[in-house]
Amino acid sequence: MLNPYRILWILPIVFGIHNFEELFYLQGWIKEVVDQNKFQFLVSLYNFNNLRMAMILLTLFSVIIVFMEYKRRNKLSFSILILGICLLEINGVTHFFQLIIFQRYNPGLISACLLIIPYMSYMLYLFYKNNYVKKKNILKYLLISIFSMNPIILMFLLLAKIIS
């Protein structure tokens, strides 16, 4: 059984590719699917410069999480890592469901289906099979991810607005 730490370093690369796919199309897509009259503040957070900064911060954060897990390998760094993997898994699945709901391409769909979902699923499988994490903890983090993904994205968009 492959040790997940041998391929963990790929996570920020996969996430960076996904963010790059989203970057150029997300602003226009948000304007098409979100009612701009009711959610003007939200739509304003999705301008190109703000998105670019938020995606840089998110990708940098994934690099830091992976680095800290390699460096520390303690309970806190591992819990944050598994939560991050679960968040990305849920994000990938969300792109797939958006395809079903909107019946068309959504920014990030291709990398979500070809990279994010397979890689994150495989990482969770490897961590589970190598006895690093129990199935119930994976399910717990997936459930937490469902409810925390959008607030975390909003937090990074707000942080990007403050910085840029």
Foldseek 3Di string as FASTA:
>chain_A
DDALLVPLQCVLVLLLVLLVQQLPCVLVVCVVPPDCVVPVVVSVLNDNQLSVQLSVVVSVVSNVLSVCCVVPVDPVSVLVNLLVLLLLLVVLVVQVVCCVVVVDHHRSPVSSVPPNNVVSVVSVVNCPVVPVDDPVSSVVSNVVSVVCNVVVSVVSSVVSVVVD
